[in-house]
Amino acid sequence: MSLSATLSEIEQIFIQLELDKIDTVCVTADKSGAGATSVAMALTERYLLAGYKTLLVDFNLFNPSFDAFELPAETQVEGSTPEFIRHNQSQHCFSGIQAPTTLDRQLAFRDPINLLKSIEKWQAKYDKIIVDSTALNQCNQSNIPTVTIANVVQGTLLVVSAGKSNTNDLHDATALLKKAHANVCGIILNQHQQNTLAEEIANIVSRVPFVGSRASSKIKSYLTGSSLFRYGV
Protein backbone atom coordinates (compact mmCIF):
# COMPACT_ATOMS: atom_id res chain seq x y z
CA MET A 1 0.00 0.00 0.00
CA SER A 2 1.29 3.44 -0.98
CA LEU A 3 -0.05 6.78 0.24
CA SER A 4 0.39 10.10 -1.53
CA ALA A 5 2.19 12.83 0.37
CA THR A 6 -0.45 15.28 -0.87
CA LEU A 7 -3.43 13.49 0.70
CA SER A 8 -5.52 15.82 2.84
CA GLU A 9 -5.11 13.43 5.80
CA ILE A 10 -1.30 13.54 5.52
CA GLU A 11 -1.51 17.32 5.24
CA GLN A 12 -3.50 17.48 8.49
CA ILE A 13 -0.88 15.35 10.26
CA PHE A 14 1.91 17.51 8.85
CA ILE A 15 0.26 20.75 9.99
CA GLN A 16 -0.44 19.39 13.48
CA LEU A 17 3.16 18.26 13.93
CA GLU A 18 4.39 21.65 12.73
CA LEU A 19 2.10 23.48 15.14
CA ASP A 20 3.33 21.27 17.98
CA LYS A 21 6.96 21.89 16.89
CA ILE A 22 7.65 18.15 16.62
CA ASP A 23 10.90 17.31 14.80
CA THR A 24 11.36 13.63 15.73
CA VAL A 25 8.45 11.27 15.14
CA CYS A 26 7.83 7.58 15.82
CA VAL A 27 5.20 5.97 13.57
CA THR A 28 3.82 2.72 14.92
CA ALA A 29 0.69 0.55 14.77
CA ASP A 30 -1.37 -1.54 17.11
CA LYS A 31 -0.76 -4.60 14.91
CA SER A 32 1.24 -5.57 11.83
CA GLY A 33 -0.24 -4.62 8.47
CA ALA A 34 -2.05 -1.50 9.67
CA GLY A 35 -0.07 0.75 7.32
CA ALA A 36 2.46 2.45 9.60
CA THR A 37 5.24 2.20 7.00
CA SER A 38 3.03 3.82 4.35
CA VAL A 39 2.24 6.68 6.72
CA ALA A 40 5.93 7.09 7.61
CA MET A 41 6.89 7.25 3.92
CA ALA A 42 4.12 9.71 3.03
CA LEU A 43 4.99 11.96 5.97
CA THR A 44 8.69 11.85 5.02
CA GLU A 45 7.80 12.88 1.46
CA ARG A 46 5.59 15.69 2.78
CA TYR A 47 8.46 17.06 4.85
CA LEU A 48 10.74 16.88 1.80
CA LEU A 49 8.17 18.81 -0.24
CA ALA A 50 8.24 21.47 2.49
CA GLY A 51 12.00 21.80 2.08
CA TYR A 52 13.08 19.94 5.20
CA LYS A 53 16.10 17.66 5.20
CA THR A 54 14.43 14.48 6.43
CA LEU A 55 15.81 11.14 7.59
CA LEU A 56 13.66 7.99 7.51
CA VAL A 57 14.79 5.34 10.00
CA ASP A 58 13.65 1.73 9.66
CA PHE A 59 13.49 0.20 13.14
CA ASN A 60 10.85 -2.37 12.23
CA LEU A 61 12.91 -5.51 12.75
CA PHE A 62 9.82 -7.73 12.66
CA ASN A 63 9.03 -6.66 9.10
CA PRO A 64 11.82 -4.49 7.64
CA SER A 65 10.63 -2.74 4.48
CA PHE A 66 13.77 -1.02 3.20
CA ASP A 67 17.02 -2.11 1.58
CA ALA A 68 20.29 -0.22 1.50
CA PHE A 69 20.71 1.69 -1.74
CA GLU A 70 23.96 3.04 -3.15
CA LEU A 71 24.11 5.76 -5.77
CA PRO A 72 26.32 5.20 -8.82
CA ALA A 73 29.93 6.17 -8.11
CA GLU A 74 29.86 9.04 -10.63
CA THR A 75 26.97 10.74 -8.76
CA GLN A 76 28.61 10.67 -5.33
CA VAL A 77 30.33 13.73 -3.91
CA GLU A 78 33.84 13.23 -2.54
CA GLY A 79 33.94 13.45 1.25
CA SER A 80 30.19 12.91 1.55
CA THR A 81 28.79 9.54 2.62
CA PRO A 82 24.99 9.88 2.74
CA GLU A 83 22.97 6.78 3.47
CA PHE A 84 20.04 5.90 1.26
CA ILE A 85 17.33 3.29 1.65
CA ARG A 86 14.85 1.99 -0.92
CA HIS A 87 11.37 0.67 -0.16
CA ASN A 88 11.30 -2.92 -1.36
CA GLN A 89 7.81 -2.63 -2.90
CA SER A 90 7.34 0.91 -4.20
CA GLN A 91 11.08 1.40 -4.93
CA HIS A 92 10.87 4.90 -3.41
CA CYS A 93 14.25 6.10 -2.16
CA PHE A 94 14.98 8.19 0.93
CA SER A 95 17.86 9.44 2.99
CA GLY A 96 17.61 6.90 5.75
CA ILE A 97 18.90 4.23 8.05
CA GLN A 98 18.33 0.57 7.21
CA ALA A 99 17.04 -1.76 9.92
CA PRO A 100 20.11 -2.99 11.86
CA THR A 101 20.91 -6.61 11.09
CA THR A 102 23.77 -7.29 13.51
CA LEU A 103 23.18 -8.03 17.18
CA ASP A 104 25.62 -5.39 18.42
CA ARG A 105 23.82 -2.61 16.54
CA GLN A 106 20.41 -3.88 17.64
CA LEU A 107 21.53 -3.95 21.27
CA ALA A 108 22.92 -0.42 20.99
CA PHE A 109 19.60 0.95 19.74
CA ARG A 110 17.64 -0.90 22.45
CA ASP A 111 19.41 1.20 25.08
CA PRO A 112 17.32 4.38 25.55
CA ILE A 113 20.37 6.52 26.30
CA ASN A 114 22.29 5.34 23.24
CA LEU A 115 19.17 5.66 21.09
CA LEU A 116 18.66 9.26 22.21
CA LYS A 117 22.31 10.04 21.46
CA SER A 118 21.91 8.59 17.96
CA ILE A 119 18.80 10.68 17.31
CA GLU A 120 20.54 13.82 18.53
CA LYS A 121 23.48 13.01 16.23
CA TRP A 122 21.09 12.64 13.26
CA GLN A 123 19.42 15.93 14.17
CA ALA A 124 22.72 17.69 13.64
CA LYS A 125 22.40 16.84 9.92
CA TYR A 126 18.64 16.63 9.40
CA ASP A 127 15.69 18.84 10.21
CA LYS A 128 13.21 16.00 10.71
CA ILE A 129 13.59 12.38 11.83
CA ILE A 130 10.85 9.84 11.05
CA VAL A 131 11.14 6.41 12.68
CA ASP A 132 9.16 3.47 11.28
CA SER A 133 8.83 1.06 14.21
CA THR A 134 7.55 -2.43 14.92
CA ALA A 135 3.84 -2.85 15.63
CA LEU A 136 3.13 -2.78 19.36
CA ASN A 137 1.70 -6.31 19.44
CA GLN A 138 4.83 -7.71 17.73
CA CYS A 139 7.43 -6.32 20.11
CA ASN A 140 9.64 -8.93 21.75
CA GLN A 141 13.26 -9.46 22.75
CA SER A 142 14.31 -9.65 19.08
CA ASN A 143 13.10 -6.12 18.28
CA ILE A 144 14.01 -2.57 19.16
CA PRO A 145 11.15 -1.86 21.59
CA THR A 146 8.68 0.58 20.10
CA VAL A 147 7.93 1.93 23.58
CA THR A 148 11.61 2.84 23.94
CA ILE A 149 11.56 4.72 20.63
CA ALA A 150 8.30 6.45 21.55
CA ASN A 151 9.82 7.54 24.85
CA VAL A 152 12.85 9.28 23.35
CA VAL A 153 11.26 10.98 20.31
CA GLN A 154 9.20 14.16 20.57
CA GLY A 155 5.97 12.69 19.21
CA THR A 156 4.33 9.39 18.28
CA LEU A 157 1.68 8.57 15.68
CA LEU A 158 -0.41 5.41 16.18
CA VAL A 159 -1.92 3.78 13.08
CA VAL A 160 -4.87 1.41 13.43
CA SER A 161 -6.53 -0.56 10.64
CA ALA A 162 -10.26 -0.07 10.17
CA GLY A 163 -12.11 -3.36 10.14
CA LYS A 164 -9.22 -5.24 11.76
CA SER A 165 -8.66 -3.44 15.05
CA ASN A 166 -11.26 -3.24 17.78
CA THR A 167 -11.69 -1.12 20.88
CA ASN A 168 -9.62 -3.49 23.01
CA ASP A 169 -6.73 -3.39 20.53
CA LEU A 170 -6.73 0.40 20.60
CA HIS A 171 -6.96 0.48 24.40
CA ASP A 172 -4.02 -1.92 24.79
CA ALA A 173 -1.88 0.04 22.32
CA THR A 174 -2.54 3.42 23.91
CA ALA A 175 -1.97 1.94 27.37
CA LEU A 176 1.50 0.73 26.34
CA LEU A 177 2.39 4.14 24.93
CA LYS A 178 1.05 5.92 27.99
CA LYS A 179 3.11 3.67 30.26
CA ALA A 180 6.20 4.62 28.22
CA HIS A 181 5.37 8.32 28.75
CA ALA A 182 5.06 8.77 24.98
CA ASN A 183 3.64 11.95 23.54
CA VAL A 184 0.89 10.53 21.29
CA CYS A 185 0.29 13.28 18.74
CA GLY A 186 -2.43 11.46 16.86
CA ILE A 187 -4.25 8.21 16.15
CA ILE A 188 -4.70 7.46 12.45
CA LEU A 189 -7.56 5.24 11.26
CA ASN A 190 -6.42 3.56 8.06
CA GLN A 191 -9.44 2.63 5.93
CA HIS A 192 -7.44 1.62 2.86
CA GLN A 193 -8.12 -2.12 3.22
CA GLN A 194 -11.60 -1.79 4.65
CA ASN A 195 -14.36 -3.45 2.64
CA THR A 196 -17.19 -1.32 1.32
CA LEU A 197 -20.78 -2.14 2.19
CA ALA A 198 -21.22 -3.51 -1.34
CA GLU A 199 -18.27 -5.90 -0.88
CA GLU A 200 -19.56 -7.10 2.48
CA ILE A 201 -23.06 -7.79 1.10
CA ALA A 202 -21.58 -9.48 -1.98
CA ASN A 203 -19.53 -11.78 0.26
CA ILE A 204 -22.67 -12.72 2.20
CA VAL A 205 -24.64 -13.35 -1.02
CA SER A 206 -21.91 -15.61 -2.39
CA ARG A 207 -22.19 -17.80 0.72
CA VAL A 208 -25.98 -18.23 0.55
CA PRO A 209 -26.58 -21.73 -0.92
CA PHE A 210 -30.02 -21.10 -2.46
CA VAL A 211 -28.93 -18.04 -4.51
CA GLY A 212 -27.90 -19.17 -7.98
CA SER A 213 -24.83 -17.90 -9.76
CA ARG A 214 -26.87 -15.84 -12.24
CA ALA A 215 -28.85 -14.11 -9.52
CA SER A 216 -25.71 -13.64 -7.47
CA SER A 217 -23.97 -11.94 -10.42
CA LYS A 218 -26.90 -9.57 -10.92
CA ILE A 219 -26.95 -8.62 -7.25
CA LYS A 220 -23.20 -7.99 -7.20
CA SER A 221 -23.44 -5.93 -10.38
CA TYR A 222 -26.18 -3.76 -8.84
CA LEU A 223 -24.23 -3.31 -5.61
CA THR A 224 -21.07 -2.32 -7.47
CA GLY A 225 -22.89 0.26 -9.56
CA SER A 226 -24.80 1.88 -6.72
CA SER A 227 -23.17 4.80 -4.90
CA LEU A 228 -25.26 3.96 -1.83
CA PHE A 229 -23.11 0.90 -1.08
CA ARG A 230 -19.65 2.38 -1.65
CA TYR A 231 -19.03 3.43 1.94
CA GLY A 232 -16.69 1.50 4.22
CA VAL A 233 -18.11 -0.59 7.04
C-alpha atoms as a PDB file:
ATOM      1  CA  MET A   1       0.000   0.000   0.000  1.00  0.00           C
ATOM      2  CA  SER A   2       1.294   3.441  -0.984  1.00  0.00           C
ATOM      3  CA  LEU A   3      -0.045   6.779   0.244  1.00  0.00           C
ATOM      4  CA  SER A   4       0.388  10.099  -1.525  1.00  0.00           C
ATOM      5  CA  ALA A   5       2.188  12.834   0.371  1.00  0.00           C
ATOM      6  CA  THR A   6      -0.455  15.277  -0.868  1.00  0.00           C
ATOM      7  CA  LEU A   7      -3.432  13.491   0.699  1.00  0.00           C
ATOM      8  CA  SER A   8      -5.523  15.822   2.844  1.00  0.00           C
ATOM      9  CA  GLU A   9      -5.108  13.431   5.796  1.00  0.00           C
ATOM     10  CA  ILE A  10      -1.299  13.536   5.518  1.00  0.00           C
ATOM     11  CA  GLU A  11      -1.511  17.324   5.242  1.00  0.00           C
ATOM     12  CA  GLN A  12      -3.499  17.479   8.486  1.00  0.00           C
ATOM     13  CA  ILE A  13      -0.881  15.353  10.262  1.00  0.00           C
ATOM     14  CA  PHE A  14       1.914  17.508   8.852  1.00  0.00           C
ATOM     15  CA  ILE A  15       0.258  20.746   9.993  1.00  0.00           C
ATOM     16  CA  GLN A  16      -0.438  19.394  13.475  1.00  0.00           C
ATOM     17  CA  LEU A  17       3.164  18.263  13.931  1.00  0.00           C
ATOM     18  CA  GLU A  18       4.390  21.650  12.728  1.00  0.00           C
ATOM     19  CA  LEU A  19       2.099  23.484  15.140  1.00  0.00           C
ATOM     20  CA  ASP A  20       3.331  21.265  17.981  1.00  0.00           C
ATOM     21  CA  LYS A  21       6.957  21.890  16.891  1.00  0.00           C
ATOM     22  CA  ILE A  22       7.647  18.152  16.616  1.00  0.00           C
ATOM     23  CA  ASP A  23      10.898  17.309  14.799  1.00  0.00           C
ATOM     24  CA  THR A  24      11.362  13.631  15.732  1.00  0.00           C
ATOM     25  CA  VAL A  25       8.450  11.268  15.144  1.00  0.00           C
ATOM     26  CA  CYS A  26       7.828   7.585  15.815  1.00  0.00           C
ATOM     27  CA  VAL A  27       5.200   5.975  13.565  1.00  0.00           C
ATOM     28  CA  THR A  28       3.822   2.720  14.924  1.00  0.00           C
ATOM     29  CA  ALA A  29       0.688   0.553  14.768  1.00  0.00           C
ATOM     30  CA  ASP A  30      -1.365  -1.543  17.113  1.00  0.00           C
ATOM     31  CA  LYS A  31      -0.759  -4.598  14.907  1.00  0.00           C
ATOM     32  CA  SER A  32       1.239  -5.571  11.832  1.00  0.00           C
ATOM     33  CA  GLY A  33      -0.239  -4.622   8.466  1.00  0.00           C
ATOM     34  CA  ALA A  34      -2.052  -1.503   9.666  1.00  0.00           C
ATOM     35  CA  GLY A  35      -0.070   0.752   7.324  1.00  0.00           C
ATOM     36  CA  ALA A  36       2.462   2.454   9.599  1.00  0.00           C
ATOM     37  CA  THR A  37       5.237   2.203   7.003  1.00  0.00           C
ATOM     38  CA  SER A  38       3.033   3.816   4.348  1.00  0.00           C
ATOM     39  CA  VAL A  39       2.236   6.683   6.720  1.00  0.00           C
ATOM     40  CA  ALA A  40       5.927   7.090   7.609  1.00  0.00           C
ATOM     41  CA  MET A  41       6.888   7.253   3.924  1.00  0.00           C
ATOM     42  CA  ALA A  42       4.121   9.713   3.027  1.00  0.00           C
ATOM     43  CA  LEU A  43       4.995  11.956   5.970  1.00  0.00           C
ATOM     44  CA  THR A  44       8.686  11.853   5.020  1.00  0.00           C
ATOM     45  CA  GLU A  45       7.802  12.883   1.460  1.00  0.00           C
ATOM     46  CA  ARG A  46       5.592  15.691   2.779  1.00  0.00           C
ATOM     47  CA  TYR A  47       8.463  17.063   4.852  1.00  0.00           C
ATOM     48  CA  LEU A  48      10.738  16.876   1.801  1.00  0.00           C
ATOM     49  CA  LEU A  49       8.167  18.814  -0.235  1.00  0.00           C
ATOM     50  CA  ALA A  50       8.243  21.471   2.493  1.00  0.00           C
ATOM     51  CA  GLY A  51      12.003  21.795   2.076  1.00  0.00           C
ATOM     52  CA  TYR A  52      13.083  19.945   5.205  1.00  0.00           C
ATOM     53  CA  LYS A  53      16.104  17.658   5.204  1.00  0.00           C
ATOM     54  CA  THR A  54      14.426  14.478   6.425  1.00  0.00           C
ATOM     55  CA  LEU A  55      15.813  11.143   7.594  1.00  0.00           C
ATOM     56  CA  LEU A  56      13.655   7.994   7.510  1.00  0.00           C
ATOM     57  CA  VAL A  57      14.794   5.341   9.996  1.00  0.00           C
ATOM     58  CA  ASP A  58      13.651   1.734   9.663  1.00  0.00           C
ATOM     59  CA  PHE A  59      13.492   0.201  13.138  1.00  0.00           C
ATOM     60  CA  ASN A  60      10.849  -2.375  12.226  1.00  0.00           C
ATOM     61  CA  LEU A  61      12.911  -5.508  12.755  1.00  0.00           C
ATOM     62  CA  PHE A  62       9.824  -7.732  12.658  1.00  0.00           C
ATOM     63  CA  ASN A  63       9.028  -6.661   9.098  1.00  0.00           C
ATOM     64  CA  PRO A  64      11.817  -4.491   7.637  1.00  0.00           C
ATOM     65  CA  SER A  65      10.629  -2.741   4.479  1.00  0.00           C
ATOM     66  CA  PHE A  66      13.770  -1.021   3.197  1.00  0.00           C
ATOM     67  CA  ASP A  67      17.016  -2.109   1.576  1.00  0.00           C
ATOM     68  CA  ALA A  68      20.288  -0.217   1.504  1.00  0.00           C
ATOM     69  CA  PHE A  69      20.713   1.688  -1.737  1.00  0.00           C
ATOM     70  CA  GLU A  70      23.961   3.039  -3.148  1.00  0.00           C
ATOM     71  CA  LEU A  71      24.109   5.761  -5.766  1.00  0.00           C
ATOM     72  CA  PRO A  72      26.323   5.195  -8.819  1.00  0.00           C
ATOM     73  CA  ALA A  73      29.933   6.167  -8.115  1.00  0.00           C
ATOM     74  CA  GLU A  74      29.858   9.035 -10.628  1.00  0.00           C
ATOM     75  CA  THR A  75      26.975  10.736  -8.760  1.00  0.00           C
ATOM     76  CA  GLN A  76      28.608  10.666  -5.333  1.00  0.00           C
ATOM     77  CA  VAL A  77      30.335  13.727  -3.908  1.00  0.00           C
ATOM     78  CA  GLU A  78      33.841  13.235  -2.536  1.00  0.00           C
ATOM     79  CA  GLY A  79      33.939  13.454   1.249  1.00  0.00           C
ATOM     80  CA  SER A  80      30.187  12.907   1.552  1.00  0.00           C
ATOM     81  CA  THR A  81      28.794   9.542   2.622  1.00  0.00           C
ATOM     82  CA  PRO A  82      24.993   9.882   2.738  1.00  0.00           C
ATOM     83  CA  GLU A  83      22.970   6.776   3.468  1.00  0.00           C
ATOM     84  CA  PHE A  84      20.040   5.897   1.263  1.00  0.00           C
ATOM     85  CA  ILE A  85      17.331   3.294   1.653  1.00  0.00           C
ATOM     86  CA  ARG A  86      14.845   1.995  -0.920  1.00  0.00           C
ATOM     87  CA  HIS A  87      11.374   0.670  -0.157  1.00  0.00           C
ATOM     88  CA  ASN A  88      11.304  -2.924  -1.362  1.00  0.00           C
ATOM     89  CA  GLN A  89       7.809  -2.633  -2.903  1.00  0.00           C
ATOM     90  CA  SER A  90       7.340   0.907  -4.203  1.00  0.00           C
ATOM     91  CA  GLN A  91      11.084   1.399  -4.927  1.00  0.00           C
ATOM     92  CA  HIS A  92      10.868   4.899  -3.409  1.00  0.00           C
ATOM     93  CA  CYS A  93      14.249   6.100  -2.163  1.00  0.00           C
ATOM     94  CA  PHE A  94      14.978   8.187   0.927  1.00  0.00           C
ATOM     95  CA  SER A  95      17.860   9.439   2.987  1.00  0.00           C
ATOM     96  CA  GLY A  96      17.615   6.900   5.750  1.00  0.00           C
ATOM     97  CA  ILE A  97      18.903   4.225   8.053  1.00  0.00           C
ATOM     98  CA  GLN A  98      18.328   0.569   7.208  1.00  0.00           C
ATOM     99  CA  ALA A  99      17.041  -1.762   9.924  1.00  0.00           C
ATOM    100  CA  PRO A 100      20.115  -2.992  11.863  1.00  0.00           C
ATOM    101  CA  THR A 101      20.914  -6.610  11.093  1.00  0.00           C
ATOM    102  CA  THR A 102      23.767  -7.291  13.506  1.00  0.00           C
ATOM    103  CA  LEU A 103      23.182  -8.034  17.177  1.00  0.00           C
ATOM    104  CA  ASP A 104      25.625  -5.394  18.420  1.00  0.00           C
ATOM    105  CA  ARG A 105      23.816  -2.609  16.536  1.00  0.00           C
ATOM    106  CA  GLN A 106      20.412  -3.884  17.643  1.00  0.00           C
ATOM    107  CA  LEU A 107      21.526  -3.950  21.269  1.00  0.00           C
ATOM    108  CA  ALA A 108      22.917  -0.421  20.990  1.00  0.00           C
ATOM    109  CA  PHE A 109      19.605   0.946  19.738  1.00  0.00           C
ATOM    110  CA  ARG A 110      17.643  -0.898  22.449  1.00  0.00           C
ATOM    111  CA  ASP A 111      19.408   1.197  25.083  1.00  0.00           C
ATOM    112  CA  PRO A 112      17.321   4.380  25.545  1.00  0.00           C
ATOM    113  CA  ILE A 113      20.367   6.525  26.300  1.00  0.00           C
ATOM    114  CA  ASN A 114      22.285   5.339  23.242  1.00  0.00           C
ATOM    115  CA  LEU A 115      19.174   5.658  21.089  1.00  0.00           C
ATOM    116  CA  LEU A 116      18.658   9.256  22.214  1.00  0.00           C
ATOM    117  CA  LYS A 117      22.310  10.043  21.462  1.00  0.00           C
ATOM    118  CA  SER A 118      21.909   8.594  17.959  1.00  0.00           C
ATOM    119  CA  ILE A 119      18.799  10.681  17.306  1.00  0.00           C
ATOM    120  CA  GLU A 120      20.544  13.818  18.531  1.00  0.00           C
ATOM    121  CA  LYS A 121      23.476  13.011  16.226  1.00  0.00           C
ATOM    122  CA  TRP A 122      21.092  12.641  13.263  1.00  0.00           C
ATOM    123  CA  GLN A 123      19.418  15.925  14.172  1.00  0.00           C
ATOM    124  CA  ALA A 124      22.715  17.694  13.642  1.00  0.00           C
ATOM    125  CA  LYS A 125      22.402  16.837   9.924  1.00  0.00           C
ATOM    126  CA  TYR A 126      18.643  16.625   9.399  1.00  0.00           C
ATOM    127  CA  ASP A 127      15.685  18.841  10.214  1.00  0.00           C
ATOM    128  CA  LYS A 128      13.211  16.003  10.712  1.00  0.00           C
ATOM    129  CA  ILE A 129      13.593  12.377  11.833  1.00  0.00           C
ATOM    130  CA  ILE A 130      10.851   9.844  11.052  1.00  0.00           C
ATOM    131  CA  VAL A 131      11.141   6.407  12.682  1.00  0.00           C
ATOM    132  CA  ASP A 132       9.158   3.475  11.281  1.00  0.00           C
ATOM    133  CA  SER A 133       8.834   1.063  14.210  1.00  0.00           C
ATOM    134  CA  THR A 134       7.552  -2.434  14.919  1.00  0.00           C
ATOM    135  CA  ALA A 135       3.837  -2.853  15.628  1.00  0.00           C
ATOM    136  CA  LEU A 136       3.134  -2.777  19.355  1.00  0.00           C
ATOM    137  CA  ASN A 137       1.702  -6.315  19.436  1.00  0.00           C
ATOM    138  CA  GLN A 138       4.834  -7.707  17.730  1.00  0.00           C
ATOM    139  CA  CYS A 139       7.429  -6.316  20.114  1.00  0.00           C
ATOM    140  CA  ASN A 140       9.643  -8.931  21.754  1.00  0.00           C
ATOM    141  CA  GLN A 141      13.261  -9.459  22.750  1.00  0.00           C
ATOM    142  CA  SER A 142      14.309  -9.647  19.083  1.00  0.00           C
ATOM    143  CA  ASN A 143      13.096  -6.117  18.280  1.00  0.00           C
ATOM    144  CA  ILE A 144      14.012  -2.575  19.158  1.00  0.00           C
ATOM    145  CA  PRO A 145      11.155  -1.861  21.589  1.00  0.00           C
ATOM    146  CA  THR A 146       8.675   0.577  20.103  1.00  0.00           C
ATOM    147  CA  VAL A 147       7.930   1.932  23.582  1.00  0.00           C
ATOM    148  CA  THR A 148      11.614   2.841  23.940  1.00  0.00           C
ATOM    149  CA  ILE A 149      11.560   4.717  20.633  1.00  0.00           C
ATOM    150  CA  ALA A 150       8.299   6.452  21.555  1.00  0.00           C
ATOM    151  CA  ASN A 151       9.823   7.542  24.851  1.00  0.00           C
ATOM    152  CA  VAL A 152      12.846   9.283  23.346  1.00  0.00           C
ATOM    153  CA  VAL A 153      11.264  10.980  20.310  1.00  0.00           C
ATOM    154  CA  GLN A 154       9.199  14.163  20.568  1.00  0.00           C
ATOM    155  CA  GLY A 155       5.967  12.691  19.210  1.00  0.00           C
ATOM    156  CA  THR A 156       4.326   9.386  18.278  1.00  0.00           C
ATOM    157  CA  LEU A 157       1.677   8.569  15.677  1.00  0.00           C
ATOM    158  CA  LEU A 158      -0.412   5.412  16.181  1.00  0.00           C
ATOM    159  CA  VAL A 159      -1.917   3.779  13.083  1.00  0.00           C
ATOM    160  CA  VAL A 160      -4.873   1.407  13.429  1.00  0.00           C
ATOM    161  CA  SER A 161      -6.535  -0.558  10.640  1.00  0.00           C
ATOM    162  CA  ALA A 162     -10.257  -0.070  10.168  1.00  0.00           C
ATOM    163  CA  GLY A 163     -12.111  -3.361  10.144  1.00  0.00           C
ATOM    164  CA  LYS A 164      -9.221  -5.243  11.759  1.00  0.00           C
ATOM    165  CA  SER A 165      -8.658  -3.444  15.051  1.00  0.00           C
ATOM    166  CA  ASN A 166     -11.255  -3.244  17.781  1.00  0.00           C
ATOM    167  CA  THR A 167     -11.691  -1.120  20.883  1.00  0.00           C
ATOM    168  CA  ASN A 168      -9.621  -3.492  23.014  1.00  0.00           C
ATOM    169  CA  ASP A 169      -6.729  -3.389  20.529  1.00  0.00           C
ATOM    170  CA  LEU A 170      -6.734   0.404  20.598  1.00  0.00           C
ATOM    171  CA  HIS A 171      -6.963   0.476  24.397  1.00  0.00           C
ATOM    172  CA  ASP A 172      -4.021  -1.924  24.790  1.00  0.00           C
ATOM    173  CA  ALA A 173      -1.880   0.038  22.323  1.00  0.00           C
ATOM    174  CA  THR A 174      -2.545   3.423  23.906  1.00  0.00           C
ATOM    175  CA  ALA A 175      -1.972   1.944  27.372  1.00  0.00           C
ATOM    176  CA  LEU A 176       1.497   0.733  26.338  1.00  0.00           C
ATOM    177  CA  LEU A 177       2.394   4.143  24.930  1.00  0.00           C
ATOM    178  CA  LYS A 178       1.053   5.925  27.988  1.00  0.00           C
ATOM    179  CA  LYS A 179       3.113   3.667  30.257  1.00  0.00           C
ATOM    180  CA  ALA A 180       6.196   4.616  28.221  1.00  0.00           C
ATOM    181  CA  HIS A 181       5.371   8.323  28.745  1.00  0.00           C
ATOM    182  CA  ALA A 182       5.055   8.767  24.985  1.00  0.00           C
ATOM    183  CA  ASN A 183       3.638  11.952  23.539  1.00  0.00           C
ATOM    184  CA  VAL A 184       0.890  10.533  21.294  1.00  0.00           C
ATOM    185  CA  CYS A 185       0.290  13.282  18.735  1.00  0.00           C
ATOM    186  CA  GLY A 186      -2.433  11.459  16.858  1.00  0.00           C
ATOM    187  CA  ILE A 187      -4.250   8.207  16.153  1.00  0.00           C
ATOM    188  CA  ILE A 188      -4.697   7.456  12.448  1.00  0.00           C
ATOM    189  CA  LEU A 189      -7.564   5.245  11.263  1.00  0.00           C
ATOM    190  CA  ASN A 190      -6.420   3.561   8.061  1.00  0.00           C
ATOM    191  CA  GLN A 191      -9.438   2.627   5.932  1.00  0.00           C
ATOM    192  CA  HIS A 192      -7.437   1.618   2.863  1.00  0.00           C
ATOM    193  CA  GLN A 193      -8.120  -2.122   3.222  1.00  0.00           C
ATOM    194  CA  GLN A 194     -11.603  -1.786   4.646  1.00  0.00           C
ATOM    195  CA  ASN A 195     -14.364  -3.452   2.638  1.00  0.00           C
ATOM    196  CA  THR A 196     -17.192  -1.319   1.317  1.00  0.00           C
ATOM    197  CA  LEU A 197     -20.782  -2.135   2.193  1.00  0.00           C
ATOM    198  CA  ALA A 198     -21.220  -3.510  -1.345  1.00  0.00           C
ATOM    199  CA  GLU A 199     -18.269  -5.897  -0.883  1.00  0.00           C
ATOM    200  CA  GLU A 200     -19.564  -7.100   2.476  1.00  0.00           C
ATOM    201  CA  ILE A 201     -23.059  -7.795   1.105  1.00  0.00           C
ATOM    202  CA  ALA A 202     -21.580  -9.484  -1.983  1.00  0.00           C
ATOM    203  CA  ASN A 203     -19.534 -11.777   0.263  1.00  0.00           C
ATOM    204  CA  ILE A 204     -22.669 -12.719   2.195  1.00  0.00           C
ATOM    205  CA  VAL A 205     -24.641 -13.346  -1.020  1.00  0.00           C
ATOM    206  CA  SER A 206     -21.909 -15.613  -2.388  1.00  0.00           C
ATOM    207  CA  ARG A 207     -22.185 -17.799   0.719  1.00  0.00           C
ATOM    208  CA  VAL A 208     -25.978 -18.225   0.550  1.00  0.00           C
ATOM    209  CA  PRO A 209     -26.583 -21.728  -0.917  1.00  0.00           C
ATOM    210  CA  PHE A 210     -30.022 -21.104  -2.464  1.00  0.00           C
ATOM    211  CA  VAL A 211     -28.932 -18.043  -4.509  1.00  0.00           C
ATOM    212  CA  GLY A 212     -27.900 -19.168  -7.983  1.00  0.00           C
ATOM    213  CA  SER A 213     -24.827 -17.905  -9.764  1.00  0.00           C
ATOM    214  CA  ARG A 214     -26.872 -15.843 -12.244  1.00  0.00           C
ATOM    215  CA  ALA A 215     -28.852 -14.110  -9.518  1.00  0.00           C
ATOM    216  CA  SER A 216     -25.708 -13.639  -7.472  1.00  0.00           C
ATOM    217  CA  SER A 217     -23.969 -11.939 -10.417  1.00  0.00           C
ATOM    218  CA  LYS A 218     -26.903  -9.572 -10.921  1.00  0.00           C
ATOM    219  CA  ILE A 219     -26.946  -8.624  -7.246  1.00  0.00           C
ATOM    220  CA  LYS A 220     -23.198  -7.993  -7.199  1.00  0.00           C
ATOM    221  CA  SER A 221     -23.444  -5.925 -10.379  1.00  0.00           C
ATOM    222  CA  TYR A 222     -26.178  -3.760  -8.841  1.00  0.00           C
ATOM    223  CA  LEU A 223     -24.228  -3.311  -5.611  1.00  0.00           C
ATOM    224  CA  THR A 224     -21.071  -2.319  -7.474  1.00  0.00           C
ATOM    225  CA  GLY A 225     -22.886   0.260  -9.562  1.00  0.00           C
ATOM    226  CA  SER A 226     -24.801   1.882  -6.717  1.00  0.00           C
ATOM    227  CA  SER A 227     -23.170   4.803  -4.897  1.00  0.00           C
ATOM    228  CA  LEU A 228     -25.258   3.958  -1.834  1.00  0.00           C
ATOM    229  CA  PHE A 229     -23.114   0.896  -1.076  1.00  0.00           C
ATOM    230  CA  ARG A 230     -19.648   2.376  -1.651  1.00  0.00           C
ATOM    231  CA  TYR A 231     -19.030   3.431   1.942  1.00  0.00           C
ATOM    232  CA  GLY A 232     -16.690   1.496   4.224  1.00  0.00           C
ATOM    233  CA  VAL A 233     -18.108  -0.586   7.042  1.00  0.00           C
END
